[in-house]
Amino acid sequence: EQGDPRIEALITTHSHWDHIRALPTAVATYSPATY
């Protein structure tokens, strides 16, 4: 459905600040499995 992404997984390659700034909002929006 429009506006209903199917993000199955959100994978973070490493923890440096510049790679994770959108992580909280992405997790709250998509409810993916996180790795």
Full PDB file with SEQRES, HELIX, SHEET, SSBOND, CRYST1, ORIGX, SCALE, CONECT and MASTER records, all heavy atoms in Angstrom:
SEQRES   1 A   35  GLU GLN GLY ASP PRO ARG ILE GLU ALA LEU ILE THR THR          
SEQRES   2 A   35  HIS SER HIS TRP ASP HIS ILE ARG ALA LEU PRO THR ALA          
SEQRES   3 A   35  VAL ALA THR TYR SER PRO ALA THR TYR                          
HELIX    1 AA1 TRP A   17  HIS A   19  5                                   3    
HELIX    2 AA2 LEU A   23  TYR A   30  1                                   8    
SHEET    1 AA1 2 ALA A   9  LEU A  10  0                                        
SHEET    2 AA1 2 ALA A  33  THR A  34  1                                        
CRYST1    1.000    1.000    1.000  90.00  90.00  90.00 P 1           1          
ORIGX1      1.000000  0.000000  0.000000        0.00000                         
ORIGX2      0.000000  1.000000  0.000000        0.00000                         
ORIGX3      0.000000  0.000000  1.000000        0.00000                         
SCALE1      1.000000  0.000000  0.000000        0.00000                         
SCALE2      0.000000  1.000000  0.000000        0.00000                         
SCALE3      0.000000  0.000000  1.000000        0.00000                         
ATOM      1  N   GLU A   1       0.841  -1.181   0.000  1.00  0.00           N  
ATOM      2  CA  GLU A   1       0.000   0.000   0.000  1.00  0.00           C  
ATOM      3  C   GLU A   1       0.883   1.239   0.000  1.00  0.00           C  
ATOM      4  O   GLU A   1       1.956   1.253   0.586  1.00  0.00           O  
ATOM      5  CB  GLU A   1      -0.901   0.009   1.232  1.00  0.00           C  
ATOM      6  CG  GLU A   1      -1.903  -1.141   1.259  1.00  0.00           C  
ATOM      7  CD  GLU A   1      -2.769  -1.084   2.509  1.00  0.00           C  
ATOM      8  OE1 GLU A   1      -2.635  -0.118   3.275  1.00  0.00           O  
ATOM      9  OE2 GLU A   1      -3.555  -2.022   2.696  1.00  0.00           O  
ATOM     10  N   GLN A   2       0.428   2.294  -0.666  1.00  0.00           N  
ATOM     11  CA  GLN A   2       1.193   3.529  -0.676  1.00  0.00           C  
ATOM     12  C   GLN A   2       1.457   3.988   0.754  1.00  0.00           C  
ATOM     13  O   GLN A   2       0.562   4.019   1.593  1.00  0.00           O  
ATOM     14  CB  GLN A   2       0.426   4.609  -1.435  1.00  0.00           C  
ATOM     15  CG  GLN A   2       1.172   5.931  -1.564  1.00  0.00           C  
ATOM     16  CD  GLN A   2       2.445   5.787  -2.387  1.00  0.00           C  
ATOM     17  OE1 GLN A   2       2.510   4.950  -3.268  1.00  0.00           O  
ATOM     18  NE2 GLN A   2       3.439   6.597  -2.085  1.00  0.00           N  
ATOM     19  N   GLY A   3       2.698   4.348   1.035  1.00  0.00           N  
ATOM     20  CA  GLY A   3       3.049   4.814   2.367  1.00  0.00           C  
ATOM     21  C   GLY A   3       3.283   3.699   3.363  1.00  0.00           C  
ATOM     22  O   GLY A   3       3.398   3.956   4.548  1.00  0.00           O  
ATOM     23  N   ASP A   4       3.355   2.471   2.892  1.00  0.00           N  
ATOM     24  CA  ASP A   4       3.540   1.331   3.792  1.00  0.00           C  
ATOM     25  C   ASP A   4       4.783   0.547   3.382  1.00  0.00           C  
ATOM     26  O   ASP A   4       4.692  -0.529   2.797  1.00  0.00           O  
ATOM     27  CB  ASP A   4       2.309   0.426   3.752  1.00  0.00           C  
ATOM     28  CG  ASP A   4       2.433  -0.757   4.709  1.00  0.00           C  
ATOM     29  OD1 ASP A   4       3.145  -0.641   5.712  1.00  0.00           O  
ATOM     30  OD2 ASP A   4       1.829  -1.809   4.417  1.00  0.00           O  
ATOM     31  N   PRO A   5       5.984   1.073   3.664  1.00  0.00           N  
ATOM     32  CA  PRO A   5       7.207   0.373   3.285  1.00  0.00           C  
ATOM     33  C   PRO A   5       7.299  -0.989   3.956  1.00  0.00           C  
ATOM     34  O   PRO A   5       6.792  -1.179   5.050  1.00  0.00           O  
ATOM     35  CB  PRO A   5       8.314   1.308   3.791  1.00  0.00           C  
ATOM     36  CG  PRO A   5       7.660   2.618   3.971  1.00  0.00           C  
ATOM     37  CD  PRO A   5       6.246   2.335   4.353  1.00  0.00           C  
ATOM     38  N   ARG A   6       7.961  -1.911   3.289  1.00  0.00           N  
ATOM     39  CA  ARG A   6       8.155  -3.243   3.847  1.00  0.00           C  
ATOM     40  C   ARG A   6       9.620  -3.446   4.197  1.00  0.00           C  
ATOM     41  O   ARG A   6      10.296  -4.297   3.639  1.00  0.00           O  
ATOM     42  CB  ARG A   6       7.669  -4.313   2.870  1.00  0.00           C  
ATOM     43  CG  ARG A   6       6.163  -4.316   2.655  1.00  0.00           C  
ATOM     44  CD  ARG A   6       5.724  -5.538   1.898  1.00  0.00           C  
ATOM     45  NE  ARG A   6       6.061  -6.754   2.640  1.00  0.00           N  
ATOM     46  CZ  ARG A   6       6.043  -7.969   2.087  1.00  0.00           C  
ATOM     47  NH1 ARG A   6       5.718  -8.125   0.817  1.00  0.00           N  
ATOM     48  NH2 ARG A   6       6.345  -9.026   2.802  1.00  0.00           N  
ATOM     49  N   ILE A   7      10.123  -2.617   5.092  1.00  0.00           N  
ATOM     50  CA  ILE A   7      11.493  -2.776   5.551  1.00  0.00           C  
ATOM     51  C   ILE A   7      11.534  -3.959   6.511  1.00  0.00           C  
ATOM     52  O   ILE A   7      11.086  -3.871   7.650  1.00  0.00           O  
ATOM     53  CB  ILE A   7      12.007  -1.498   6.240  1.00  0.00           C  
ATOM     54  CG1 ILE A   7      11.998  -0.303   5.288  1.00  0.00           C  
ATOM     55  CG2 ILE A   7      13.399  -1.734   6.811  1.00  0.00           C  
ATOM     56  CD1 ILE A   7      13.012  -0.390   4.177  1.00  0.00           C  
ATOM     57  N   GLU A   8      12.035  -5.064   6.026  1.00  0.00           N  
ATOM     58  CA  GLU A   8      12.125  -6.273   6.855  1.00  0.00           C  
ATOM     59  C   GLU A   8      13.241  -6.157   7.885  1.00  0.00           C  
ATOM     60  O   GLU A   8      13.106  -6.641   9.006  1.00  0.00           O  
ATOM     61  CB  GLU A   8      12.406  -7.491   5.964  1.00  0.00           C  
ATOM     62  CG  GLU A   8      11.265  -7.882   5.061  1.00  0.00           C  
ATOM     63  CD  GLU A   8      10.216  -8.679   5.803  1.00  0.00           C  
ATOM     64  OE1 GLU A   8      10.575  -9.663   6.473  1.00  0.00           O  
ATOM     65  OE2 GLU A   8       9.039  -8.308   5.706  1.00  0.00           O  
ATOM     66  N   ALA A   9      14.348  -5.537   7.472  1.00  0.00           N  
ATOM     67  CA  ALA A   9      15.508  -5.483   8.347  1.00  0.00           C  
ATOM     68  C   ALA A   9      16.235  -4.167   8.156  1.00  0.00           C  
ATOM     69  O   ALA A   9      16.290  -3.626   7.048  1.00  0.00           O  
ATOM     70  CB  ALA A   9      16.452  -6.643   8.062  1.00  0.00           C  
ATOM     71  N   LEU A  10      16.798  -3.670   9.243  1.00  0.00           N  
ATOM     72  CA  LEU A  10      17.643  -2.488   9.217  1.00  0.00           C  
ATOM     73  C   LEU A  10      18.970  -2.902   9.840  1.00  0.00           C  
ATOM     74  O   LEU A  10      19.030  -3.245  11.022  1.00  0.00           O  
ATOM     75  CB  LEU A  10      16.994  -1.348   9.996  1.00  0.00           C  
ATOM     76  CG  LEU A  10      17.450   0.074   9.650  1.00  0.00           C  
ATOM     77  CD1 LEU A  10      16.543   1.093  10.317  1.00  0.00           C  
ATOM     78  CD2 LEU A  10      18.895   0.332  10.017  1.00  0.00           C  
ATOM     79  N   ILE A  11      20.011  -2.888   9.027  1.00  0.00           N  
ATOM     80  CA  ILE A  11      21.312  -3.390   9.454  1.00  0.00           C  
ATOM     81  C   ILE A  11      22.284  -2.222   9.531  1.00  0.00           C  
ATOM     82  O   ILE A  11      22.403  -1.433   8.587  1.00  0.00           O  
ATOM     83  CB  ILE A  11      21.846  -4.455   8.480  1.00  0.00           C  
ATOM     84  CG1 ILE A  11      20.804  -5.579   8.298  1.00  0.00           C  
ATOM     85  CG2 ILE A  11      23.164  -5.025   8.990  1.00  0.00           C  
ATOM     86  CD1 ILE A  11      21.175  -6.607   7.256  1.00  0.00           C  
ATOM     87  N   THR A  12      22.972  -2.103  10.659  1.00  0.00           N  
ATOM     88  CA  THR A  12      23.948  -1.041  10.880  1.00  0.00           C  
ATOM     89  C   THR A  12      25.345  -1.633  10.791  1.00  0.00           C  
ATOM     90  O   THR A  12      25.675  -2.562  11.534  1.00  0.00           O  
ATOM     91  CB  THR A  12      23.721  -0.380  12.249  1.00  0.00           C  
ATOM     92  OG1 THR A  12      22.390   0.161  12.296  1.00  0.00           O  
ATOM     93  CG2 THR A  12      24.724   0.729  12.489  1.00  0.00           C  
ATOM     94  N   THR A  13      26.182  -1.089   9.894  1.00  0.00           N  
ATOM     95  CA  THR A  13      27.515  -1.669   9.694  1.00  0.00           C  
ATOM     96  C   THR A  13      28.463  -1.355  10.838  1.00  0.00           C  
ATOM     97  O   THR A  13      29.378  -2.133  11.116  1.00  0.00           O  
ATOM     98  CB  THR A  13      28.151  -1.181   8.389  1.00  0.00           C  
ATOM     99  OG1 THR A  13      28.290   0.262   8.418  1.00  0.00           O  
ATOM    100  CG2 THR A  13      27.325  -1.595   7.183  1.00  0.00           C  
ATOM    101  N   HIS A  14      28.252  -0.200  11.510  1.00  0.00           N  
ATOM    102  CA  HIS A  14      29.089   0.143  12.664  1.00  0.00           C  
ATOM    103  C   HIS A  14      28.470   1.322  13.395  1.00  0.00           C  
ATOM    104  O   HIS A  14      27.527   1.955  12.910  1.00  0.00           O  
ATOM    105  CB  HIS A  14      30.529   0.427  12.250  1.00  0.00           C  
ATOM    106  CG  HIS A  14      30.714   1.639  11.394  1.00  0.00           C  
ATOM    107  ND1 HIS A  14      30.289   1.688  10.076  1.00  0.00           N  
ATOM    108  CD2 HIS A  14      31.261   2.850  11.658  1.00  0.00           C  
ATOM    109  CE1 HIS A  14      30.586   2.869   9.574  1.00  0.00           C  
ATOM    110  NE2 HIS A  14      31.175   3.596  10.514  1.00  0.00           N  
ATOM    111  N   SER A  15      29.020   1.638  14.549  1.00  0.00           N  
ATOM    112  CA  SER A  15      28.339   2.522  15.494  1.00  0.00           C  
ATOM    113  C   SER A  15      28.744   3.982  15.426  1.00  0.00           C  
ATOM    114  O   SER A  15      28.313   4.773  16.263  1.00  0.00           O  
ATOM    115  CB  SER A  15      28.582   2.010  16.926  1.00  0.00           C  
ATOM    116  OG  SER A  15      29.973   2.019  17.225  1.00  0.00           O  
ATOM    117  N   HIS A  16      29.543   4.393  14.464  1.00  0.00           N  
ATOM    118  CA  HIS A  16      29.945   5.796  14.426  1.00  0.00           C  
ATOM    119  C   HIS A  16      28.740   6.699  14.193  1.00  0.00           C  
ATOM    120  O   HIS A  16      27.818   6.365  13.446  1.00  0.00           O  
ATOM    121  CB  HIS A  16      31.015   6.021  13.364  1.00  0.00           C  
ATOM    122  CG  HIS A  16      32.379   5.600  13.822  1.00  0.00           C  
ATOM    123  ND1 HIS A  16      33.433   5.410  12.957  1.00  0.00           N  
ATOM    124  CD2 HIS A  16      32.868   5.324  15.073  1.00  0.00           C  
ATOM    125  CE1 HIS A  16      34.509   5.039  13.643  1.00  0.00           C  
ATOM    126  NE2 HIS A  16      34.185   4.978  14.919  1.00  0.00           N  
ATOM    127  N   TRP A  17      28.782   7.867  14.826  1.00  0.00           N  
ATOM    128  CA  TRP A  17      27.630   8.770  14.900  1.00  0.00           C  
ATOM    129  C   TRP A  17      27.032   9.100  13.545  1.00  0.00           C  
ATOM    130  O   TRP A  17      25.820   9.229  13.410  1.00  0.00           O  
ATOM    131  CB  TRP A  17      28.039  10.059  15.620  1.00  0.00           C  
ATOM    132  CG  TRP A  17      29.041  10.870  14.839  1.00  0.00           C  
ATOM    133  CD1 TRP A  17      30.388  10.701  14.818  1.00  0.00           C  
ATOM    134  CD2 TRP A  17      28.764  11.953  13.959  1.00  0.00           C  
ATOM    135  NE1 TRP A  17      30.983  11.596  13.976  1.00  0.00           N  
ATOM    136  CE2 TRP A  17      30.004  12.393  13.434  1.00  0.00           C  
ATOM    137  CE3 TRP A  17      27.592  12.613  13.565  1.00  0.00           C  
ATOM    138  CZ2 TRP A  17      30.110  13.446  12.543  1.00  0.00           C  
ATOM    139  CZ3 TRP A  17      27.696  13.665  12.663  1.00  0.00           C  
ATOM    140  CH2 TRP A  17      28.944  14.083  12.161  1.00  0.00           C  
ATOM    141  N   ASP A  18      27.882   9.246  12.521  1.00  0.00           N  
ATOM    142  CA  ASP A  18      27.372   9.687  11.226  1.00  0.00           C  
ATOM    143  C   ASP A  18      26.602   8.592  10.495  1.00  0.00           C  
ATOM    144  O   ASP A  18      25.944   8.879   9.490  1.00  0.00           O  
ATOM    145  CB  ASP A  18      28.498  10.231  10.346  1.00  0.00           C  
ATOM    146  CG  ASP A  18      29.617   9.235  10.090  1.00  0.00           C  
ATOM    147  OD1 ASP A  18      30.086   8.615  11.075  1.00  0.00           O  
ATOM    148  OD2 ASP A  18      30.029   9.076   8.929  1.00  0.00           O  
ATOM    149  N   HIS A  19      26.643   7.371  10.990  1.00  0.00           N  
ATOM    150  CA  HIS A  19      25.928   6.264  10.344  1.00  0.00           C  
ATOM    151  C   HIS A  19      24.626   5.895  11.059  1.00  0.00           C  
ATOM    152  O   HIS A  19      23.920   4.992  10.592  1.00  0.00           O  
ATOM    153  CB  HIS A  19      26.828   5.033  10.255  1.00  0.00           C  
ATOM    154  CG  HIS A  19      27.908   5.177   9.232  1.00  0.00           C  
ATOM    155  ND1 HIS A  19      27.830   4.628   7.973  1.00  0.00           N  
ATOM    156  CD2 HIS A  19      29.079   5.852   9.273  1.00  0.00           C  
ATOM    157  CE1 HIS A  19      28.918   4.945   7.291  1.00  0.00           C  
ATOM    158  NE2 HIS A  19      29.688   5.684   8.062  1.00  0.00           N  
ATOM    159  N   ILE A  20      24.299   6.574  12.153  1.00  0.00           N  
ATOM    160  CA  ILE A  20      23.148   6.123  12.952  1.00  0.00           C  
ATOM    161  C   ILE A  20      22.186   7.245  13.336  1.00  0.00           C  
ATOM    162  O   ILE A  20      21.269   7.029  14.122  1.00  0.00           O  
ATOM    163  CB  ILE A  20      23.624   5.401  14.230  1.00  0.00           C  
ATOM    164  CG1 ILE A  20      24.477   6.312  15.109  1.00  0.00           C  
ATOM    165  CG2 ILE A  20      24.404   4.135  13.874  1.00  0.00           C  
ATOM    166  CD1 ILE A  20      24.846   5.700  16.461  1.00  0.00           C  
ATOM    167  N   ARG A  21      22.334   8.425  12.772  1.00  0.00           N  
ATOM    168  CA  ARG A  21      21.514   9.560  13.226  1.00  0.00           C  
ATOM    169  C   ARG A  21      20.030   9.403  12.890  1.00  0.00           C  
ATOM    170  O   ARG A  21      19.174   9.957  13.581  1.00  0.00           O  
ATOM    171  CB  ARG A  21      22.065  10.872  12.667  1.00  0.00           C  
ATOM    172  CG  ARG A  21      23.337  11.315  13.366  1.00  0.00           C  
ATOM    173  CD  ARG A  21      23.877  12.607  12.803  1.00  0.00           C  
ATOM    174  NE  ARG A  21      24.540  12.384  11.515  1.00  0.00           N  
ATOM    175  CZ  ARG A  21      25.132  13.361  10.816  1.00  0.00           C  
ATOM    176  NH1 ARG A  21      25.113  14.614  11.272  1.00  0.00           N  
ATOM    177  NH2 ARG A  21      25.731  13.086   9.676  1.00  0.00           N  
ATOM    178  N   ALA A  22      19.717   8.683  11.812  1.00  0.00           N  
ATOM    179  CA  ALA A  22      18.307   8.458  11.461  1.00  0.00           C  
ATOM    180  C   ALA A  22      17.779   7.134  12.004  1.00  0.00           C  
ATOM    181  O   ALA A  22      16.623   6.782  11.760  1.00  0.00           O  
ATOM    182  CB  ALA A  22      18.116   8.507   9.942  1.00  0.00           C  
ATOM    183  N   LEU A  23      18.603   6.417  12.741  1.00  0.00           N  
ATOM    184  CA  LEU A  23      18.209   5.091  13.210  1.00  0.00           C  
ATOM    185  C   LEU A  23      16.976   5.120  14.114  1.00  0.00           C  
ATOM    186  O   LEU A  23      16.040   4.325  13.897  1.00  0.00           O  
ATOM    187  CB  LEU A  23      19.394   4.420  13.914  1.00  0.00           C  
ATOM    188  CG  LEU A  23      19.221   2.983  14.369  1.00  0.00           C  
ATOM    189  CD1 LEU A  23      18.895   2.066  13.204  1.00  0.00           C  
ATOM    190  CD2 LEU A  23      20.487   2.503  15.084  1.00  0.00           C  
ATOM    191  N   PRO A  24      16.878   5.991  15.109  1.00  0.00           N  
ATOM    192  CA  PRO A  24      15.686   5.964  15.966  1.00  0.00           C  
ATOM    193  C   PRO A  24      14.388   6.186  15.195  1.00  0.00           C  
ATOM    194  O   PRO A  24      13.392   5.478  15.428  1.00  0.00           O  
ATOM    195  CB  PRO A  24      15.941   7.102  16.964  1.00  0.00           C  
ATOM    196  CG  PRO A  24      17.417   7.264  16.992  1.00  0.00           C  
ATOM    197  CD  PRO A  24      17.870   6.989  15.589  1.00  0.00           C  
ATOM    198  N   THR A  25      14.374   7.151  14.280  1.00  0.00           N  
ATOM    199  CA  THR A  25      13.154   7.430  13.530  1.00  0.00           C  
ATOM    200  C   THR A  25      12.834   6.295  12.571  1.00  0.00           C  
ATOM    201  O   THR A  25      11.664   5.926  12.396  1.00  0.00           O  
ATOM    202  CB  THR A  25      13.293   8.752  12.753  1.00  0.00           C  
ATOM    203  OG1 THR A  25      13.692   9.779  13.655  1.00  0.00           O  
ATOM    204  CG2 THR A  25      11.977   9.142  12.101  1.00  0.00           C  
ATOM    205  N   ALA A  26      13.862   5.728  11.951  1.00  0.00           N  
ATOM    206  CA  ALA A  26      13.635   4.608  11.038  1.00  0.00           C  
ATOM    207  C   ALA A  26      13.058   3.407  11.773  1.00  0.00           C  
ATOM    208  O   ALA A  26      12.138   2.740  11.283  1.00  0.00           O  
ATOM    209  CB  ALA A  26      14.934   4.232  10.338  1.00  0.00           C  
ATOM    210  N   VAL A  27      13.574   3.123  12.958  1.00  0.00           N  
ATOM    211  CA  VAL A  27      13.062   1.999  13.745  1.00  0.00           C  
ATOM    212  C   VAL A  27      11.615   2.263  14.162  1.00  0.00           C  
ATOM    213  O   VAL A  27      10.747   1.380  14.074  1.00  0.00           O  
ATOM    214  CB  VAL A  27      13.957   1.752  14.969  1.00  0.00           C  
ATOM    215  CG1 VAL A  27      13.306   0.758  15.920  1.00  0.00           C  
ATOM    216  CG2 VAL A  27      15.329   1.229  14.525  1.00  0.00           C  
ATOM    217  N   ALA A  28      11.327   3.476  14.605  1.00  0.00           N  
ATOM    218  CA  ALA A  28       9.962   3.807  15.031  1.00  0.00           C  
ATOM    219  C   ALA A  28       8.980   3.766  13.870  1.00  0.00           C  
ATOM    220  O   ALA A  28       7.819   3.375  14.031  1.00  0.00           O  
ATOM    221  CB  ALA A  28       9.948   5.193  15.672  1.00  0.00           C  
ATOM    222  N   THR A  29       9.430   4.133  12.682  1.00  0.00           N  
ATOM    223  CA  THR A  29       8.544   4.196  11.509  1.00  0.00           C  
ATOM    224  C   THR A  29       8.300   2.825  10.896  1.00  0.00           C  
ATOM    225  O   THR A  29       7.161   2.481  10.565  1.00  0.00           O  
ATOM    226  CB  THR A  29       9.148   5.131  10.443  1.00  0.00           C  
ATOM    227  OG1 THR A  29       9.324   6.435  11.004  1.00  0.00           O  
ATOM    228  CG2 THR A  29       8.241   5.224   9.219  1.00  0.00           C  
ATOM    229  N   TYR A  30       9.345   2.045  10.737  1.00  0.00           N  
ATOM    230  CA  TYR A  30       9.243   0.785   9.989  1.00  0.00           C  
ATOM    231  C   TYR A  30       9.059  -0.445  10.867  1.00  0.00           C  
ATOM    232  O   TYR A  30       8.662  -1.501  10.362  1.00  0.00           O  
ATOM    233  CB  TYR A  30      10.501   0.584   9.133  1.00  0.00           C  
ATOM    234  CG  TYR A  30      10.787   1.692   8.165  1.00  0.00           C  
ATOM    235  CD1 TYR A  30      12.082   2.176   8.017  1.00  0.00           C  
ATOM    236  CD2 TYR A  30       9.791   2.251   7.372  1.00  0.00           C  
ATOM    237  CE1 TYR A  30      12.374   3.194   7.120  1.00  0.00           C  
ATOM    238  CE2 TYR A  30      10.068   3.268   6.472  1.00  0.00           C  
ATOM    239  CZ  TYR A  30      11.369   3.730   6.353  1.00  0.00           C  
ATOM    240  OH  TYR A  30      11.657   4.738   5.459  1.00  0.00           O  
ATOM    241  N   SER A  31       9.418  -0.372  12.137  1.00  0.00           N  
ATOM    242  CA  SER A  31       9.410  -1.538  13.040  1.00  0.00           C  
ATOM    243  C   SER A  31      10.134  -2.736  12.429  1.00  0.00           C  
ATOM    244  O   SER A  31       9.605  -3.857  12.385  1.00  0.00           O  
ATOM    245  CB  SER A  31       7.964  -1.926  13.389  1.00  0.00           C  
ATOM    246  OG  SER A  31       7.309  -0.881  14.055  1.00  0.00           O  
ATOM    247  N   PRO A  32      11.360  -2.516  11.952  1.00  0.00           N  
ATOM    248  CA  PRO A  32      12.077  -3.623  11.325  1.00  0.00           C  
ATOM    249  C   PRO A  32      12.793  -4.486  12.354  1.00  0.00           C  
ATOM    250  O   PRO A  32      12.958  -4.091  13.511  1.00  0.00           O  
ATOM    251  CB  PRO A  32      13.114  -2.893  10.471  1.00  0.00           C  
ATOM    252  CG  PRO A  32      13.468  -1.704  11.329  1.00  0.00           C  
ATOM    253  CD  PRO A  32      12.182  -1.299  12.023  1.00  0.00           C  
ATOM    254  N   ALA A  33      13.249  -5.649  11.932  1.00  0.00           N  
ATOM    255  CA  ALA A  33      14.242  -6.374  12.708  1.00  0.00           C  
ATOM    256  C   ALA A  33      15.547  -5.588  12.604  1.00  0.00           C  
ATOM    257  O   ALA A  33      15.911  -5.126  11.528  1.00  0.00           O  
ATOM    258  CB  ALA A  33      14.432  -7.779  12.158  1.00  0.00           C  
ATOM    259  N   THR A  34      16.238  -5.389  13.729  1.00  0.00           N  
ATOM    260  CA  THR A  34      17.460  -4.593  13.740  1.00  0.00           C  
ATOM    261  C   THR A  34      18.676  -5.466  14.021  1.00  0.00           C  
ATOM    262  O   THR A  34      18.621  -6.398  14.828  1.00  0.00           O  
ATOM    263  CB  THR A  34      17.374  -3.466  14.782  1.00  0.00           C  
ATOM    264  OG1 THR A  34      17.012  -4.029  16.062  1.00  0.00           O  
ATOM    265  CG2 THR A  34      16.338  -2.430  14.378  1.00  0.00           C  
ATOM    266  N   TYR A  35      19.788  -5.129  13.351  1.00  0.00           N  
ATOM    267  CA  TYR A  35      21.009  -5.926  13.419  1.00  0.00           C  
ATOM    268  C   TYR A  35      22.221  -5.003  13.478  1.00  0.00           C  
ATOM    269  O   TYR A  35      22.257  -3.951  12.834  1.00  0.00           O  
ATOM    270  CB  TYR A  35      21.164  -6.808  12.176  1.00  0.00           C  
ATOM    271  CG  TYR A  35      20.078  -7.826  11.962  1.00  0.00           C  
ATOM    272  CD1 TYR A  35      18.857  -7.456  11.404  1.00  0.00           C  
ATOM    273  CD2 TYR A  35      20.272  -9.166  12.287  1.00  0.00           C  
ATOM    274  CE1 TYR A  35      17.852  -8.388  11.187  1.00  0.00           C  
ATOM    275  CE2 TYR A  35      19.274 -10.105  12.067  1.00  0.00           C  
ATOM    276  CZ  TYR A  35      18.068  -9.707  11.518  1.00  0.00           C  
ATOM    277  OH  TYR A  35      17.076 -10.627  11.303  1.00  0.00           O  
TER     278      TYR A  35                                                      
MASTER        0    0    0    2    2    0    0    6  277    1    0    3          
END                                                                             
